[in-house]
Amino acid sequence: MPSTIIIRPVSADDEHAWRALWTAYLDFYETKLDDAVYEISFKRMLSGDSNEFQGLVAEKDGALVGLTHFLFHRSMWSVENTCYLMDLYVDPSLRGGGVGRQLIEAVHKVAKDNGCSGTYWMTQEFNYKGRMLYDQVATRTPFIKYAKKD
């Protein structure tokens, strides 16, 4: 019998496994963060504050195999909040097996259950495998992202 994927909110007991997945995600995007960012991000997800990031994890046979982080925020284009799915990562050995789709659908359900008007996310152009999934579950927009840092 195939193993079942369980999608659930991140919990305090997940910190070590979450850090491993989060590090793999950052490695994919060729990014490194200070340990303080890991610590505060994890605390924020567990705060219970509806204005903070939230996290879901995918679990298979007792091990974490995927994660997603998301945030509800106001929009000038609707009365309702919208949901920004900030990060999505699935263990490379399980990609293409539906885990990413389950995580996206779970975030979207949480967003709808909390009155959000929709869910959106961004990815880098080179994320071809992810984009194949995204093209199946959502509509690509024509927006281009700009960033300014001091």
N, C-alpha and C. Protein backbone atom coordinates (compact mmCIF):
# COMPACT_ATOMS: atom_id res chain seq x y z
N MET A 1 0.84 -1.18 0.00
CA MET A 1 0.00 0.00 0.00
C MET A 1 0.89 1.24 0.00
N PRO A 2 0.63 2.22 -0.89
CA PRO A 2 1.45 3.43 -0.95
C PRO A 2 1.29 4.27 0.31
N SER A 3 2.35 4.98 0.65
CA SER A 3 2.32 5.86 1.81
C SER A 3 1.43 7.06 1.53
N THR A 4 0.77 7.52 2.57
CA THR A 4 -0.10 8.68 2.48
C THR A 4 0.68 9.94 2.83
N ILE A 5 0.41 11.00 2.10
CA ILE A 5 0.98 12.31 2.42
C ILE A 5 -0.02 13.02 3.32
N ILE A 6 0.46 13.51 4.44
CA ILE A 6 -0.36 14.28 5.37
C ILE A 6 0.09 15.74 5.29
N ILE A 7 -0.85 16.62 5.04
CA ILE A 7 -0.57 18.06 5.03
C ILE A 7 -1.13 18.62 6.32
N ARG A 8 -0.29 19.33 7.07
CA ARG A 8 -0.71 19.85 8.37
C ARG A 8 0.06 21.11 8.71
N PRO A 9 -0.44 21.88 9.68
CA PRO A 9 0.30 23.07 10.11
C PRO A 9 1.64 22.69 10.73
N VAL A 10 2.62 23.54 10.55
CA VAL A 10 3.92 23.31 11.17
C VAL A 10 3.75 23.41 12.69
N SER A 11 4.49 22.57 13.41
CA SER A 11 4.40 22.57 14.88
C SER A 11 5.80 22.77 15.47
N ALA A 12 5.84 23.07 16.76
CA ALA A 12 7.12 23.30 17.44
C ALA A 12 8.05 22.09 17.31
N ASP A 13 7.49 20.90 17.28
CA ASP A 13 8.30 19.68 17.17
C ASP A 13 8.96 19.53 15.80
N ASP A 14 8.55 20.32 14.83
CA ASP A 14 9.06 20.22 13.46
C ASP A 14 10.32 21.03 13.21
N GLU A 15 10.78 21.78 14.19
CA GLU A 15 11.83 22.76 13.91
C GLU A 15 13.06 22.17 13.22
N HIS A 16 13.59 21.07 13.70
CA HIS A 16 14.80 20.50 13.10
C HIS A 16 14.57 20.08 11.65
N ALA A 17 13.50 19.34 11.40
CA ALA A 17 13.20 18.88 10.04
C ALA A 17 12.83 20.06 9.14
N TRP A 18 12.10 21.04 9.69
CA TRP A 18 11.76 22.24 8.92
C TRP A 18 13.02 22.97 8.50
N ARG A 19 13.98 23.11 9.41
CA ARG A 19 15.24 23.78 9.08
C ARG A 19 15.97 23.08 7.94
N ALA A 20 15.95 21.77 7.93
CA ALA A 20 16.61 21.02 6.86
C ALA A 20 15.93 21.29 5.52
N LEU A 21 14.60 21.27 5.49
CA LEU A 21 13.88 21.56 4.25
C LEU A 21 14.07 23.01 3.82
N TRP A 22 14.01 23.92 4.78
CA TRP A 22 14.16 25.35 4.48
C TRP A 22 15.56 25.62 3.92
N THR A 23 16.57 24.96 4.48
CA THR A 23 17.94 25.12 3.97
C THR A 23 18.04 24.59 2.54
N ALA A 24 17.41 23.46 2.26
CA ALA A 24 17.42 22.91 0.90
C ALA A 24 16.72 23.86 -0.07
N TYR A 25 15.64 24.46 0.37
CA TYR A 25 14.93 25.45 -0.44
C TYR A 25 15.84 26.64 -0.76
N LEU A 26 16.49 27.16 0.27
CA LEU A 26 17.39 28.30 0.07
C LEU A 26 18.57 27.93 -0.83
N ASP A 27 19.08 26.71 -0.69
CA ASP A 27 20.16 26.24 -1.56
C ASP A 27 19.71 26.24 -3.02
N PHE A 28 18.48 25.82 -3.27
CA PHE A 28 17.95 25.81 -4.63
C PHE A 28 18.01 27.21 -5.24
N TYR A 29 17.69 28.21 -4.43
CA TYR A 29 17.70 29.59 -4.90
C TYR A 29 19.05 30.28 -4.64
N GLU A 30 20.06 29.48 -4.32
CA GLU A 30 21.43 29.97 -4.12
C GLU A 30 21.47 31.12 -3.12
N THR A 31 20.81 30.90 -1.98
CA THR A 31 20.67 31.92 -0.94
C THR A 31 21.07 31.34 0.40
N LYS A 32 21.68 32.16 1.22
CA LYS A 32 22.02 31.80 2.59
C LYS A 32 21.43 32.86 3.52
N LEU A 33 20.96 32.43 4.68
CA LEU A 33 20.42 33.37 5.67
C LEU A 33 21.09 33.14 7.01
N ASP A 34 21.18 34.19 7.79
CA ASP A 34 21.72 34.08 9.14
C ASP A 34 20.80 33.20 9.99
N ASP A 35 21.38 32.57 10.99
CA ASP A 35 20.61 31.72 11.89
C ASP A 35 19.48 32.50 12.57
N ALA A 36 19.71 33.78 12.82
CA ALA A 36 18.68 34.61 13.47
C ALA A 36 17.41 34.66 12.61
N VAL A 37 17.55 34.63 11.29
CA VAL A 37 16.37 34.66 10.41
C VAL A 37 15.59 33.36 10.55
N TYR A 38 16.30 32.22 10.61
CA TYR A 38 15.63 30.93 10.84
C TYR A 38 14.83 30.98 12.14
N GLU A 39 15.48 31.45 13.20
CA GLU A 39 14.85 31.45 14.51
C GLU A 39 13.60 32.32 14.56
N ILE A 40 13.71 33.55 14.07
CA ILE A 40 12.55 34.46 14.14
C ILE A 40 11.45 34.00 13.20
N SER A 41 11.82 33.48 12.04
CA SER A 41 10.80 33.01 11.09
C SER A 41 10.00 31.86 11.69
N PHE A 42 10.69 30.94 12.32
CA PHE A 42 10.00 29.80 12.92
C PHE A 42 9.08 30.26 14.05
N LYS A 43 9.57 31.17 14.89
CA LYS A 43 8.75 31.70 15.98
C LYS A 43 7.52 32.43 15.45
N ARG A 44 7.71 33.19 14.38
CA ARG A 44 6.57 33.91 13.80
C ARG A 44 5.50 32.96 13.29
N MET A 45 5.93 31.87 12.65
CA MET A 45 4.95 30.89 12.14
C MET A 45 4.14 30.27 13.26
N LEU A 46 4.74 30.13 14.42
CA LEU A 46 4.06 29.48 15.54
C LEU A 46 3.32 30.46 16.45
N SER A 47 3.37 31.75 16.14
CA SER A 47 2.83 32.77 17.04
C SER A 47 1.31 32.73 17.16
N GLY A 48 0.63 32.23 16.14
CA GLY A 48 -0.83 32.25 16.16
C GLY A 48 -1.41 33.59 15.74
N ASP A 49 -0.55 34.56 15.45
CA ASP A 49 -0.97 35.89 15.00
C ASP A 49 -1.40 35.78 13.54
N SER A 50 -2.63 36.14 13.24
CA SER A 50 -3.15 36.02 11.88
C SER A 50 -2.44 36.95 10.89
N ASN A 51 -1.70 37.94 11.40
CA ASN A 51 -0.95 38.85 10.53
C ASN A 51 0.48 38.37 10.28
N GLU A 52 0.85 37.24 10.87
CA GLU A 52 2.19 36.68 10.67
C GLU A 52 2.16 35.58 9.63
N PHE A 53 3.35 35.20 9.17
CA PHE A 53 3.45 34.06 8.28
C PHE A 53 2.93 32.81 8.96
N GLN A 54 2.37 31.94 8.16
CA GLN A 54 1.93 30.64 8.63
C GLN A 54 2.67 29.59 7.82
N GLY A 55 2.70 28.39 8.30
CA GLY A 55 3.38 27.33 7.58
C GLY A 55 2.62 26.03 7.60
N LEU A 56 2.69 25.33 6.49
CA LEU A 56 2.18 23.97 6.40
C LEU A 56 3.33 23.07 6.01
N VAL A 57 3.27 21.82 6.43
CA VAL A 57 4.28 20.84 6.05
C VAL A 57 3.59 19.63 5.47
N ALA A 58 4.34 18.93 4.62
CA ALA A 58 3.90 17.64 4.08
C ALA A 58 4.69 16.57 4.80
N GLU A 59 3.99 15.57 5.29
CA GLU A 59 4.61 14.49 6.06
C GLU A 59 4.33 13.15 5.38
N LYS A 60 5.37 12.33 5.26
CA LYS A 60 5.23 10.99 4.69
C LYS A 60 5.97 10.02 5.60
N ASP A 61 5.25 9.02 6.07
CA ASP A 61 5.84 8.02 6.96
C ASP A 61 6.58 8.64 8.15
N GLY A 62 6.00 9.71 8.70
CA GLY A 62 6.57 10.36 9.89
C GLY A 62 7.69 11.34 9.61
N ALA A 63 8.08 11.51 8.35
CA ALA A 63 9.16 12.44 8.00
C ALA A 63 8.60 13.61 7.20
N LEU A 64 9.14 14.80 7.44
CA LEU A 64 8.72 15.95 6.65
C LEU A 64 9.37 15.89 5.28
N VAL A 65 8.55 16.07 4.24
CA VAL A 65 9.03 15.98 2.86
C VAL A 65 8.71 17.24 2.05
N GLY A 66 8.05 18.21 2.67
CA GLY A 66 7.71 19.44 1.97
C GLY A 66 7.25 20.50 2.94
N LEU A 67 7.30 21.74 2.47
CA LEU A 67 6.85 22.86 3.30
C LEU A 67 6.30 23.96 2.42
N THR A 68 5.51 24.80 3.03
CA THR A 68 5.06 26.04 2.40
C THR A 68 4.84 27.09 3.48
N HIS A 69 5.15 28.32 3.13
CA HIS A 69 4.95 29.47 4.02
C HIS A 69 4.01 30.43 3.30
N PHE A 70 3.09 31.04 4.04
CA PHE A 70 2.13 31.95 3.42
C PHE A 70 1.71 33.02 4.39
N LEU A 71 1.13 34.08 3.84
CA LEU A 71 0.75 35.25 4.62
C LEU A 71 -0.53 35.83 4.06
N PHE A 72 -1.46 36.19 4.92
CA PHE A 72 -2.65 36.93 4.51
C PHE A 72 -2.34 38.42 4.62
N HIS A 73 -2.78 39.20 3.64
CA HIS A 73 -2.56 40.64 3.72
C HIS A 73 -3.67 41.39 2.98
N ARG A 74 -3.77 42.66 3.29
CA ARG A 74 -4.75 43.54 2.67
C ARG A 74 -4.41 43.75 1.19
N SER A 75 -5.42 44.12 0.44
CA SER A 75 -5.24 44.47 -0.96
C SER A 75 -6.09 45.70 -1.26
N MET A 76 -5.55 46.58 -2.04
CA MET A 76 -6.32 47.76 -2.45
C MET A 76 -7.32 47.40 -3.54
N TRP A 77 -7.30 46.17 -4.02
CA TRP A 77 -8.15 45.76 -5.13
C TRP A 77 -9.34 44.93 -4.69
N SER A 78 -9.46 44.68 -3.38
CA SER A 78 -10.62 43.93 -2.89
C SER A 78 -10.85 44.28 -1.42
N VAL A 79 -12.05 44.01 -0.97
CA VAL A 79 -12.38 44.21 0.44
C VAL A 79 -11.70 43.13 1.29
N GLU A 80 -11.67 41.93 0.75
CA GLU A 80 -11.10 40.79 1.47
C GLU A 80 -9.57 40.82 1.42
N ASN A 81 -8.96 40.15 2.38
CA ASN A 81 -7.52 39.92 2.33
C ASN A 81 -7.21 39.01 1.15
N THR A 82 -5.95 38.96 0.78
CA THR A 82 -5.46 38.01 -0.21
C THR A 82 -4.37 37.18 0.45
N CYS A 83 -3.98 36.10 -0.17
CA CYS A 83 -2.98 35.21 0.40
C CYS A 83 -1.76 35.16 -0.50
N TYR A 84 -0.61 35.45 0.08
CA TYR A 84 0.66 35.34 -0.63
C TYR A 84 1.34 34.05 -0.19
N LEU A 85 1.46 33.12 -1.11
CA LEU A 85 2.19 31.88 -0.86
C LEU A 85 3.65 32.20 -1.14
N MET A 86 4.41 32.39 -0.10
CA MET A 86 5.77 32.90 -0.26
C MET A 86 6.77 31.82 -0.67
N ASP A 87 6.70 30.66 -0.06
CA ASP A 87 7.69 29.62 -0.29
C ASP A 87 7.00 28.27 -0.43
N LEU A 88 7.53 27.44 -1.31
CA LEU A 88 7.04 26.08 -1.50
C LEU A 88 8.23 25.21 -1.83
N TYR A 89 8.38 24.12 -1.10
CA TYR A 89 9.51 23.22 -1.35
C TYR A 89 9.06 21.78 -1.10
N VAL A 90 9.47 20.91 -2.01
CA VAL A 90 9.21 19.48 -1.88
C VAL A 90 10.53 18.75 -2.09
N ASP A 91 10.79 17.75 -1.27
CA ASP A 91 11.99 16.92 -1.42
C ASP A 91 12.11 16.48 -2.89
N PRO A 92 13.28 16.68 -3.50
CA PRO A 92 13.43 16.36 -4.92
C PRO A 92 13.04 14.92 -5.30
N SER A 93 13.20 13.97 -4.39
CA SER A 93 12.86 12.58 -4.70
C SER A 93 11.36 12.36 -4.85
N LEU A 94 10.55 13.33 -4.40
CA LEU A 94 9.09 13.19 -4.45
C LEU A 94 8.44 14.16 -5.44
N ARG A 95 9.23 14.96 -6.11
CA ARG A 95 8.66 15.93 -7.06
C ARG A 95 7.98 15.20 -8.21
N GLY A 96 6.88 15.78 -8.64
CA GLY A 96 6.10 15.18 -9.71
C GLY A 96 5.09 14.16 -9.21
N GLY A 97 5.05 13.96 -7.90
CA GLY A 97 4.14 12.97 -7.32
C GLY A 97 2.91 13.55 -6.65
N GLY A 98 2.71 14.86 -6.77
CA GLY A 98 1.50 15.47 -6.24
C GLY A 98 1.64 16.19 -4.91
N VAL A 99 2.82 16.12 -4.27
CA VAL A 99 2.99 16.76 -2.97
C VAL A 99 2.90 18.28 -3.09
N GLY A 100 3.55 18.85 -4.08
CA GLY A 100 3.49 20.29 -4.29
C GLY A 100 2.07 20.76 -4.54
N ARG A 101 1.36 20.00 -5.36
CA ARG A 101 -0.05 20.33 -5.65
C ARG A 101 -0.87 20.29 -4.36
N GLN A 102 -0.65 19.28 -3.54
CA GLN A 102 -1.39 19.18 -2.27
C GLN A 102 -1.09 20.36 -1.36
N LEU A 103 0.16 20.78 -1.31
CA LEU A 103 0.52 21.93 -0.47
C LEU A 103 -0.14 23.21 -0.99
N ILE A 104 -0.11 23.42 -2.30
CA ILE A 104 -0.75 24.61 -2.87
C ILE A 104 -2.25 24.60 -2.57
N GLU A 105 -2.89 23.47 -2.81
CA GLU A 105 -4.33 23.37 -2.56
C GLU A 105 -4.66 23.57 -1.09
N ALA A 106 -3.79 23.07 -0.20
CA ALA A 106 -4.03 23.24 1.24
C ALA A 106 -3.93 24.72 1.63
N VAL A 107 -2.93 25.42 1.10
CA VAL A 107 -2.80 26.85 1.39
C VAL A 107 -4.02 27.59 0.87
N HIS A 108 -4.43 27.28 -0.35
CA HIS A 108 -5.58 27.96 -0.94
C HIS A 108 -6.85 27.70 -0.13
N LYS A 109 -7.00 26.49 0.37
CA LYS A 109 -8.17 26.17 1.21
C LYS A 109 -8.14 26.98 2.50
N VAL A 110 -6.98 27.03 3.16
CA VAL A 110 -6.86 27.83 4.38
C VAL A 110 -7.20 29.29 4.08
N ALA A 111 -6.71 29.79 2.95
CA ALA A 111 -6.98 31.17 2.56
C ALA A 111 -8.48 31.39 2.36
N LYS A 112 -9.11 30.50 1.60
CA LYS A 112 -10.56 30.64 1.37
C LYS A 112 -11.34 30.54 2.68
N ASP A 113 -10.95 29.59 3.53
CA ASP A 113 -11.62 29.42 4.82
C ASP A 113 -11.48 30.66 5.71
N ASN A 114 -10.45 31.47 5.44
CA ASN A 114 -10.22 32.70 6.19
C ASN A 114 -10.69 33.94 5.43
N GLY A 115 -11.50 33.74 4.41
CA GLY A 115 -12.12 34.85 3.70
C GLY A 115 -11.25 35.56 2.69
N CYS A 116 -10.14 34.98 2.30
CA CYS A 116 -9.27 35.63 1.31
C CYS A 116 -9.88 35.54 -0.09
N SER A 117 -9.58 36.56 -0.88
CA SER A 117 -10.13 36.62 -2.23
C SER A 117 -9.37 35.74 -3.21
N GLY A 118 -8.17 35.32 -2.86
CA GLY A 118 -7.39 34.46 -3.74
C GLY A 118 -6.02 34.18 -3.15
N THR A 119 -5.23 33.41 -3.88
CA THR A 119 -3.88 33.05 -3.49
C THR A 119 -2.96 33.32 -4.68
N TYR A 120 -1.81 33.90 -4.40
CA TYR A 120 -0.85 34.14 -5.48
C TYR A 120 0.56 33.84 -5.00
N TRP A 121 1.46 33.65 -5.95
CA TRP A 121 2.86 33.41 -5.63
C TRP A 121 3.72 33.80 -6.82
N MET A 122 5.02 33.82 -6.57
CA MET A 122 6.01 34.13 -7.61
C MET A 122 7.03 33.00 -7.63
N THR A 123 7.73 32.88 -8.73
CA THR A 123 8.86 31.95 -8.81
C THR A 123 9.88 32.53 -9.77
N GLN A 124 11.07 32.00 -9.70
CA GLN A 124 12.08 32.44 -10.64
C GLN A 124 11.89 31.73 -11.97
N GLU A 125 12.27 32.42 -13.03
CA GLU A 125 12.06 31.90 -14.37
C GLU A 125 12.71 30.53 -14.56
N PHE A 126 13.85 30.28 -13.94
CA PHE A 126 14.56 29.01 -14.13
C PHE A 126 13.94 27.83 -13.39
N ASN A 127 12.91 28.07 -12.60
CA ASN A 127 12.27 26.98 -11.85
C ASN A 127 11.29 26.24 -12.77
N TYR A 128 11.82 25.56 -13.76
CA TYR A 128 10.99 24.93 -14.79
C TYR A 128 10.10 23.83 -14.23
N LYS A 129 10.62 23.01 -13.36
CA LYS A 129 9.82 21.91 -12.80
C LYS A 129 8.64 22.48 -12.01
N GLY A 130 8.92 23.47 -11.17
CA GLY A 130 7.84 24.09 -10.42
C GLY A 130 6.82 24.76 -11.32
N ARG A 131 7.29 25.44 -12.35
CA ARG A 131 6.39 26.14 -13.26
C ARG A 131 5.48 25.18 -14.02
N MET A 132 5.95 23.97 -14.27
CA MET A 132 5.07 22.99 -14.93
C MET A 132 3.85 22.71 -14.06
N LEU A 133 4.05 22.61 -12.75
CA LEU A 133 2.93 22.43 -11.82
C LEU A 133 2.09 23.70 -11.76
N TYR A 134 2.74 24.85 -11.60
CA TYR A 134 2.01 26.10 -11.44
C TYR A 134 1.11 26.38 -12.63
N ASP A 135 1.58 26.04 -13.83
CA ASP A 135 0.78 26.24 -15.03
C ASP A 135 -0.48 25.38 -15.03
N GLN A 136 -0.48 24.29 -14.28
CA GLN A 136 -1.64 23.40 -14.19
C GLN A 136 -2.65 23.85 -13.15
N VAL A 137 -2.18 24.52 -12.10
CA VAL A 137 -3.08 24.82 -10.97
C VAL A 137 -3.47 26.28 -10.84
N ALA A 138 -2.87 27.16 -11.64
CA ALA A 138 -3.15 28.59 -11.51
C ALA A 138 -2.94 29.28 -12.86
N THR A 139 -3.26 30.54 -12.90
CA THR A 139 -3.10 31.35 -14.10
C THR A 139 -1.86 32.22 -13.95
N ARG A 140 -0.98 32.14 -14.93
CA ARG A 140 0.21 32.98 -14.92
C ARG A 140 -0.20 34.42 -15.23
N THR A 141 0.35 35.36 -14.47
CA THR A 141 0.04 36.76 -14.69
C THR A 141 1.17 37.43 -15.46
N PRO A 142 0.92 38.60 -16.03
CA PRO A 142 1.97 39.28 -16.79
C PRO A 142 2.88 40.18 -15.94
N PHE A 143 2.73 40.16 -14.62
CA PHE A 143 3.49 41.07 -13.78
C PHE A 143 4.96 40.70 -13.73
N ILE A 144 5.80 41.72 -13.64
CA ILE A 144 7.23 41.58 -13.48
C ILE A 144 7.57 42.19 -12.12
N LYS A 145 8.39 41.50 -11.36
CA LYS A 145 8.75 41.98 -10.01
C LYS A 145 10.00 42.87 -10.07
N TYR A 146 9.96 43.96 -9.33
CA TYR A 146 11.11 44.82 -9.15
C TYR A 146 11.43 44.85 -7.65
N ALA A 147 12.68 45.03 -7.31
CA ALA A 147 13.08 45.10 -5.91
C ALA A 147 14.10 46.22 -5.75
N LYS A 148 14.03 46.94 -4.67
CA LYS A 148 14.99 48.01 -4.38
C LYS A 148 15.47 47.83 -2.96
N LYS A 149 16.76 47.79 -2.80
CA LYS A 149 17.35 47.67 -1.46
C LYS A 149 18.36 48.78 -1.29
N ASP A 150 18.55 49.20 -0.05
CA ASP A 150 19.56 50.24 0.22
C ASP A 150 20.91 49.62 0.41
